N, C-alpha and C. Protein backbone atom coordinates (compact mmCIF):
# COMPACT_ATOMS: atom_id res chain seq x y z
N UNK A 1 10.82 16.92 4.25
CA UNK A 1 10.61 15.85 5.25
C UNK A 1 9.21 15.28 5.11
N UNK A 2 9.09 14.00 4.84
CA UNK A 2 7.79 13.37 4.71
C UNK A 2 7.40 12.83 6.10
N UNK A 3 6.28 13.31 6.56
CA UNK A 3 5.77 12.93 7.90
C UNK A 3 4.78 11.76 7.79
N UNK A 4 4.95 10.74 8.58
CA UNK A 4 3.94 9.67 8.61
C UNK A 4 3.40 9.53 10.02
N UNK A 5 2.19 9.11 10.09
CA UNK A 5 1.59 8.80 11.38
C UNK A 5 1.54 7.29 11.46
N UNK A 6 2.32 6.77 12.43
CA UNK A 6 2.42 5.31 12.50
C UNK A 6 2.44 4.84 13.99
N UNK A 7 2.41 3.51 14.15
CA UNK A 7 2.44 2.95 15.46
C UNK A 7 3.89 2.65 15.89
N UNK A 8 4.22 3.01 17.13
CA UNK A 8 5.57 2.76 17.61
C UNK A 8 5.36 1.74 18.77
N UNK A 9 6.00 0.60 18.63
CA UNK A 9 5.83 -0.47 19.59
C UNK A 9 6.57 -0.22 20.89
N UNK A 10 5.84 -0.36 21.96
CA UNK A 10 6.41 -0.40 23.31
C UNK A 10 5.92 -1.61 24.01
N UNK A 11 6.17 -1.75 25.28
CA UNK A 11 5.67 -2.88 25.98
C UNK A 11 6.69 -4.02 26.02
N UNK A 12 6.32 -5.07 26.79
CA UNK A 12 7.18 -6.18 26.96
C UNK A 12 7.04 -7.21 25.87
N UNK A 13 7.91 -8.26 25.95
CA UNK A 13 7.87 -9.35 24.97
C UNK A 13 6.51 -10.05 25.07
N UNK A 14 5.82 -10.20 23.90
CA UNK A 14 4.55 -10.83 23.80
C UNK A 14 3.45 -10.05 24.47
N UNK A 15 3.70 -8.83 24.80
CA UNK A 15 2.66 -7.96 25.43
C UNK A 15 2.73 -6.62 24.68
N UNK A 16 2.27 -6.58 23.43
CA UNK A 16 2.46 -5.35 22.68
C UNK A 16 1.61 -4.18 23.22
N UNK A 17 2.15 -3.03 23.05
CA UNK A 17 1.44 -1.78 23.41
C UNK A 17 2.02 -0.78 22.42
N UNK A 18 1.15 0.01 21.81
CA UNK A 18 1.64 0.88 20.73
C UNK A 18 1.35 2.36 21.09
N UNK A 19 2.27 3.24 20.64
CA UNK A 19 2.00 4.67 20.69
C UNK A 19 1.69 5.05 19.28
N UNK A 20 0.75 5.98 19.11
CA UNK A 20 0.44 6.56 17.86
C UNK A 20 1.31 7.82 17.74
N UNK A 21 2.27 7.89 16.78
CA UNK A 21 3.20 8.99 16.70
C UNK A 21 3.21 9.56 15.33
N UNK A 22 3.60 10.86 15.26
CA UNK A 22 3.93 11.50 13.97
C UNK A 22 5.47 11.45 13.94
N UNK A 23 5.98 10.93 12.84
CA UNK A 23 7.43 10.77 12.73
C UNK A 23 7.92 11.02 11.31
N UNK A 24 9.16 11.30 11.18
CA UNK A 24 9.80 11.40 9.86
C UNK A 24 9.84 10.01 9.24
N UNK A 25 9.46 9.93 7.96
CA UNK A 25 9.38 8.58 7.34
C UNK A 25 10.73 7.87 7.24
N UNK A 26 11.80 8.60 7.32
CA UNK A 26 13.12 7.96 7.20
C UNK A 26 13.65 7.43 8.54
N UNK A 27 12.91 7.71 9.65
CA UNK A 27 13.33 7.23 10.93
C UNK A 27 12.89 5.79 11.13
N UNK A 28 13.51 5.12 12.10
CA UNK A 28 13.18 3.74 12.46
C UNK A 28 11.75 3.71 13.10
N UNK A 29 11.16 2.54 13.12
CA UNK A 29 9.80 2.41 13.67
C UNK A 29 9.77 2.84 15.12
N UNK A 30 10.79 2.44 15.91
CA UNK A 30 10.76 2.82 17.34
C UNK A 30 11.74 3.96 17.60
N UNK A 31 12.15 4.72 16.58
CA UNK A 31 13.10 5.75 16.71
C UNK A 31 12.51 7.07 17.12
N UNK A 32 13.22 8.15 16.76
CA UNK A 32 12.80 9.50 17.12
C UNK A 32 11.51 9.88 16.46
N UNK A 33 10.67 10.59 17.16
CA UNK A 33 9.37 10.99 16.58
C UNK A 33 9.12 12.49 16.83
N UNK A 34 8.16 13.04 16.21
CA UNK A 34 7.87 14.48 16.36
C UNK A 34 6.85 14.73 17.46
N UNK A 35 5.81 13.83 17.57
CA UNK A 35 4.75 14.08 18.56
C UNK A 35 4.04 12.80 18.83
N UNK A 36 3.67 12.57 20.11
CA UNK A 36 2.81 11.42 20.44
C UNK A 36 1.36 11.84 20.28
N UNK A 37 0.64 11.17 19.51
CA UNK A 37 -0.81 11.44 19.23
C UNK A 37 -1.82 10.60 19.93
N UNK A 38 -1.38 9.55 20.58
CA UNK A 38 -2.24 8.69 21.29
C UNK A 38 -1.59 7.36 21.57
N UNK A 39 -2.42 6.37 22.01
CA UNK A 39 -1.86 5.02 22.27
C UNK A 39 -2.92 4.00 21.92
N UNK A 40 -2.46 2.75 21.74
CA UNK A 40 -3.35 1.65 21.36
C UNK A 40 -2.91 0.39 22.10
N UNK A 41 -3.88 -0.26 22.80
CA UNK A 41 -3.57 -1.47 23.50
C UNK A 41 -4.38 -2.60 22.87
N UNK A 42 -3.79 -3.48 22.07
CA UNK A 42 -4.50 -4.57 21.44
C UNK A 42 -4.78 -5.77 22.37
N UNK A 43 -4.10 -5.85 23.49
CA UNK A 43 -4.27 -6.96 24.48
C UNK A 43 -5.58 -6.79 25.23
N UNK A 44 -5.88 -5.59 25.66
CA UNK A 44 -7.06 -5.35 26.49
C UNK A 44 -8.32 -5.69 25.68
N UNK A 45 -9.30 -6.21 26.43
CA UNK A 45 -10.58 -6.59 25.77
C UNK A 45 -11.67 -5.72 26.25
N UNK A 46 -12.43 -4.93 25.49
CA UNK A 46 -12.14 -4.66 24.00
C UNK A 46 -10.88 -3.81 23.92
N UNK A 47 -10.39 -3.80 22.68
CA UNK A 47 -9.09 -3.05 22.40
C UNK A 47 -9.29 -1.61 22.83
N UNK A 48 -8.22 -1.05 23.40
CA UNK A 48 -8.24 0.30 23.87
C UNK A 48 -7.51 1.20 22.90
N UNK A 49 -8.17 2.22 22.38
CA UNK A 49 -7.52 3.15 21.48
C UNK A 49 -7.84 4.58 21.99
N UNK A 50 -6.85 5.31 22.38
CA UNK A 50 -6.98 6.70 22.80
C UNK A 50 -6.19 7.58 21.79
N UNK A 51 -6.94 8.53 21.21
CA UNK A 51 -6.31 9.38 20.14
C UNK A 51 -6.65 10.88 20.42
N UNK A 52 -5.68 11.74 20.20
CA UNK A 52 -5.93 13.16 20.20
C UNK A 52 -6.42 13.52 18.82
N UNK A 53 -7.72 13.44 18.62
CA UNK A 53 -8.33 13.60 17.28
C UNK A 53 -7.96 14.86 16.60
N UNK A 54 -7.98 15.98 17.30
CA UNK A 54 -7.73 17.30 16.69
C UNK A 54 -6.32 17.37 16.16
N UNK A 55 -5.32 16.84 16.96
CA UNK A 55 -3.96 16.86 16.51
C UNK A 55 -3.69 15.97 15.27
N UNK A 56 -4.34 14.78 15.29
CA UNK A 56 -4.28 13.85 14.10
C UNK A 56 -4.82 14.52 12.88
N UNK A 57 -5.98 15.15 12.99
CA UNK A 57 -6.57 15.85 11.82
C UNK A 57 -5.66 16.98 11.37
N UNK A 58 -5.05 17.63 12.29
CA UNK A 58 -4.13 18.77 11.94
C UNK A 58 -2.97 18.26 11.20
N UNK A 59 -2.34 17.14 11.63
CA UNK A 59 -1.18 16.56 10.94
C UNK A 59 -1.60 16.11 9.55
N UNK A 60 -2.77 15.45 9.41
CA UNK A 60 -3.19 15.00 8.10
C UNK A 60 -3.45 16.19 7.18
N UNK A 61 -4.00 17.24 7.72
CA UNK A 61 -4.29 18.45 6.92
C UNK A 61 -2.97 19.08 6.42
N UNK A 62 -1.87 18.93 7.23
CA UNK A 62 -0.60 19.42 6.86
C UNK A 62 0.22 18.50 5.95
N UNK A 63 -0.35 17.38 5.60
CA UNK A 63 0.29 16.50 4.61
C UNK A 63 0.86 15.17 5.21
N UNK A 64 0.63 14.87 6.48
CA UNK A 64 1.09 13.63 7.00
C UNK A 64 0.31 12.49 6.50
N UNK A 65 0.94 11.36 6.19
CA UNK A 65 0.32 10.17 5.63
C UNK A 65 0.23 9.12 6.70
N UNK A 66 -0.96 8.61 7.06
CA UNK A 66 -1.07 7.53 8.04
C UNK A 66 -0.67 6.22 7.40
N UNK A 67 -0.07 5.35 8.21
CA UNK A 67 0.26 4.01 7.73
C UNK A 67 -1.09 3.27 7.55
N UNK A 68 -1.07 2.10 6.92
CA UNK A 68 -2.27 1.37 6.66
C UNK A 68 -2.98 0.94 7.93
N UNK A 69 -2.19 0.53 8.93
CA UNK A 69 -2.78 0.08 10.18
C UNK A 69 -3.36 1.27 10.93
N UNK A 70 -2.64 2.37 10.95
CA UNK A 70 -3.19 3.62 11.57
C UNK A 70 -4.39 4.13 10.89
N UNK A 71 -4.42 4.09 9.61
CA UNK A 71 -5.61 4.53 8.79
C UNK A 71 -6.80 3.68 9.17
N UNK A 72 -6.62 2.35 9.36
CA UNK A 72 -7.66 1.46 9.76
C UNK A 72 -8.19 1.81 11.13
N UNK A 73 -7.31 2.06 12.06
CA UNK A 73 -7.72 2.42 13.45
C UNK A 73 -8.39 3.76 13.48
N UNK A 74 -7.95 4.73 12.69
CA UNK A 74 -8.63 6.03 12.67
C UNK A 74 -9.97 5.98 12.06
N UNK A 75 -10.21 5.08 11.13
CA UNK A 75 -11.54 4.96 10.55
C UNK A 75 -12.51 4.48 11.62
N UNK A 76 -12.05 3.65 12.54
CA UNK A 76 -12.96 3.13 13.56
C UNK A 76 -13.49 4.25 14.49
N UNK A 77 -12.66 5.35 14.63
CA UNK A 77 -13.16 6.43 15.46
C UNK A 77 -13.69 7.64 14.67
N UNK A 78 -13.70 7.43 13.30
CA UNK A 78 -14.36 8.42 12.48
C UNK A 78 -13.52 9.52 11.86
N UNK A 79 -12.15 9.31 11.89
CA UNK A 79 -11.23 10.30 11.28
C UNK A 79 -11.09 9.87 9.85
N UNK A 80 -11.25 10.80 8.92
CA UNK A 80 -11.07 10.46 7.51
C UNK A 80 -9.59 10.67 7.14
N UNK A 81 -9.08 9.76 6.33
CA UNK A 81 -7.70 9.88 5.88
C UNK A 81 -7.67 10.03 4.30
N UNK A 82 -6.63 10.63 3.84
CA UNK A 82 -6.64 10.85 2.41
C UNK A 82 -6.06 9.59 1.66
N UNK A 83 -5.58 8.66 2.37
CA UNK A 83 -4.96 7.53 1.72
C UNK A 83 -5.88 6.30 1.76
N UNK A 84 -6.22 5.69 0.62
CA UNK A 84 -7.14 4.56 0.61
C UNK A 84 -6.41 3.37 1.14
N UNK A 85 -7.12 2.44 1.77
CA UNK A 85 -6.51 1.25 2.32
C UNK A 85 -6.33 0.20 1.20
N UNK A 86 -5.54 -0.84 1.48
CA UNK A 86 -5.30 -1.86 0.47
C UNK A 86 -6.59 -2.69 0.19
N UNK A 87 -7.38 -2.81 1.22
CA UNK A 87 -8.63 -3.58 1.04
C UNK A 87 -9.52 -2.95 -0.07
N UNK A 88 -9.57 -1.63 -0.08
CA UNK A 88 -10.36 -0.93 -1.12
C UNK A 88 -9.79 -1.20 -2.51
N UNK A 89 -8.46 -1.21 -2.55
CA UNK A 89 -7.79 -1.50 -3.86
C UNK A 89 -8.14 -2.91 -4.34
N UNK A 90 -8.10 -3.87 -3.39
CA UNK A 90 -8.43 -5.26 -3.73
C UNK A 90 -9.87 -5.38 -4.18
N UNK A 91 -10.81 -4.63 -3.51
CA UNK A 91 -12.19 -4.71 -3.89
C UNK A 91 -12.36 -4.16 -5.27
N UNK A 92 -11.67 -3.12 -5.62
CA UNK A 92 -11.79 -2.47 -6.93
C UNK A 92 -11.31 -3.45 -8.01
N UNK A 93 -10.22 -4.20 -7.72
CA UNK A 93 -9.71 -5.14 -8.68
C UNK A 93 -10.72 -6.32 -8.87
N UNK A 94 -11.33 -6.75 -7.72
CA UNK A 94 -12.22 -7.88 -7.78
C UNK A 94 -13.50 -7.49 -8.51
N UNK A 95 -13.91 -6.21 -8.46
CA UNK A 95 -15.08 -5.80 -9.13
C UNK A 95 -14.82 -5.59 -10.61
N UNK A 96 -13.62 -5.77 -11.06
CA UNK A 96 -13.35 -5.67 -12.54
C UNK A 96 -12.91 -4.29 -12.96
N UNK A 97 -12.37 -3.51 -12.07
CA UNK A 97 -11.85 -2.21 -12.51
C UNK A 97 -10.54 -2.45 -13.27
N UNK A 98 -10.70 -2.28 -14.55
CA UNK A 98 -9.56 -2.59 -15.44
C UNK A 98 -8.52 -1.43 -15.37
N UNK A 99 -7.27 -1.74 -15.70
CA UNK A 99 -6.21 -0.76 -15.77
C UNK A 99 -6.53 0.08 -17.02
N UNK A 100 -6.15 1.35 -16.98
CA UNK A 100 -6.34 2.18 -18.15
C UNK A 100 -5.47 1.70 -19.28
N UNK A 101 -6.02 1.64 -20.51
CA UNK A 101 -5.27 1.12 -21.61
C UNK A 101 -4.27 2.07 -22.07
N UNK A 102 -3.24 1.59 -22.70
CA UNK A 102 -2.16 2.42 -23.25
C UNK A 102 -2.68 3.23 -24.46
N UNK A 103 -2.28 4.49 -24.44
CA UNK A 103 -2.70 5.38 -25.50
C UNK A 103 -1.80 5.17 -26.74
N UNK A 104 -0.60 4.82 -26.50
CA UNK A 104 0.40 4.63 -27.58
C UNK A 104 0.72 3.11 -27.73
N UNK A 105 0.71 2.64 -28.92
CA UNK A 105 1.06 1.20 -29.18
C UNK A 105 2.55 1.03 -29.03
N UNK A 106 2.94 -0.09 -28.58
CA UNK A 106 4.31 -0.42 -28.40
C UNK A 106 4.97 -0.64 -29.76
N UNK A 107 6.06 0.00 -30.02
CA UNK A 107 6.77 -0.16 -31.28
C UNK A 107 7.74 -1.33 -31.25
N UNK A 108 7.63 -2.24 -32.22
CA UNK A 108 8.49 -3.37 -32.27
C UNK A 108 9.43 -3.23 -33.41
N UNK A 109 10.74 -3.51 -33.24
CA UNK A 109 11.71 -3.31 -34.25
C UNK A 109 11.49 -4.32 -35.41
N UNK A 110 12.01 -3.97 -36.55
CA UNK A 110 11.89 -4.82 -37.77
C UNK A 110 12.55 -6.14 -37.55
N UNK A 111 13.68 -6.11 -36.88
CA UNK A 111 14.46 -7.37 -36.68
C UNK A 111 13.66 -8.33 -35.83
N UNK A 112 12.91 -7.85 -34.79
CA UNK A 112 12.10 -8.73 -33.95
C UNK A 112 10.91 -9.29 -34.80
N UNK A 113 10.26 -8.46 -35.59
CA UNK A 113 9.17 -9.00 -36.38
C UNK A 113 9.65 -10.02 -37.41
N UNK A 114 10.78 -9.85 -37.98
CA UNK A 114 11.33 -10.81 -38.96
C UNK A 114 11.64 -12.15 -38.19
N UNK A 115 12.25 -12.03 -37.00
CA UNK A 115 12.56 -13.23 -36.25
C UNK A 115 11.30 -13.95 -35.87
N UNK A 116 10.25 -13.25 -35.50
CA UNK A 116 8.98 -13.82 -35.08
C UNK A 116 8.33 -14.54 -36.31
N UNK A 117 8.42 -13.92 -37.47
CA UNK A 117 7.86 -14.45 -38.69
C UNK A 117 8.60 -15.78 -39.05
N UNK A 118 9.92 -15.78 -38.97
CA UNK A 118 10.69 -17.00 -39.26
C UNK A 118 10.31 -18.13 -38.30
N UNK A 119 10.19 -17.76 -37.03
CA UNK A 119 9.86 -18.80 -36.00
C UNK A 119 8.46 -19.41 -36.31
N UNK A 120 7.48 -18.59 -36.64
CA UNK A 120 6.17 -19.13 -36.92
C UNK A 120 6.16 -19.95 -38.23
N UNK A 121 6.99 -19.54 -39.20
CA UNK A 121 7.09 -20.28 -40.42
C UNK A 121 7.71 -21.69 -40.23
N UNK A 122 8.70 -21.75 -39.35
CA UNK A 122 9.31 -23.08 -39.01
C UNK A 122 8.38 -23.95 -38.26
N UNK A 123 7.56 -23.35 -37.40
CA UNK A 123 6.55 -24.13 -36.69
C UNK A 123 5.52 -24.75 -37.66
N UNK A 124 5.06 -23.94 -38.60
CA UNK A 124 4.12 -24.34 -39.56
C UNK A 124 4.68 -25.50 -40.41
N UNK A 125 5.95 -25.34 -40.83
CA UNK A 125 6.58 -26.38 -41.63
C UNK A 125 6.79 -27.67 -40.78
N UNK A 126 7.00 -27.56 -39.54
CA UNK A 126 7.18 -28.73 -38.72
C UNK A 126 5.82 -29.42 -38.52
N UNK A 127 4.71 -28.70 -38.41
CA UNK A 127 3.40 -29.25 -38.31
C UNK A 127 3.01 -29.99 -39.62
N UNK A 128 3.35 -29.45 -40.78
CA UNK A 128 3.03 -30.06 -42.08
C UNK A 128 3.80 -31.38 -42.20
N UNK A 129 5.12 -31.36 -41.75
CA UNK A 129 5.90 -32.52 -41.82
C UNK A 129 5.41 -33.60 -40.89
N UNK A 130 4.85 -33.20 -39.80
CA UNK A 130 4.33 -34.15 -38.80
C UNK A 130 3.10 -34.81 -39.32
N UNK A 131 2.28 -34.09 -40.13
CA UNK A 131 1.02 -34.58 -40.61
C UNK A 131 1.27 -35.65 -41.70
N UNK A 132 2.35 -35.49 -42.49
CA UNK A 132 2.65 -36.40 -43.61
C UNK A 132 3.17 -37.70 -43.14
């Protein structure tokens, strides 16, 4: 069973209020959960976030993966998560972190190389005919 720490929406229409819960990843967003770890009120100014820090750290130590939004909220209170956020991935791409190159070259069949050679030969012949 893969456990995730995610936000469960409660509250009225257009008045969101979230519970921070540990739940089985196969369950619905607002479905059955294992434990309530806190709550988050985005409407209140400033935003109100109440978290049972020790329980969250214990779940993460046992292998629970926080969702991206939860990871972001936990970083604001100083809890480290093992999962990097998407923004860090985007920064790495922007800084020019290239993908690792393939160790093995792609093998192309003889039929494809012949077909490619014929195609390029016909293009060259068409260019020569167009020049004349």
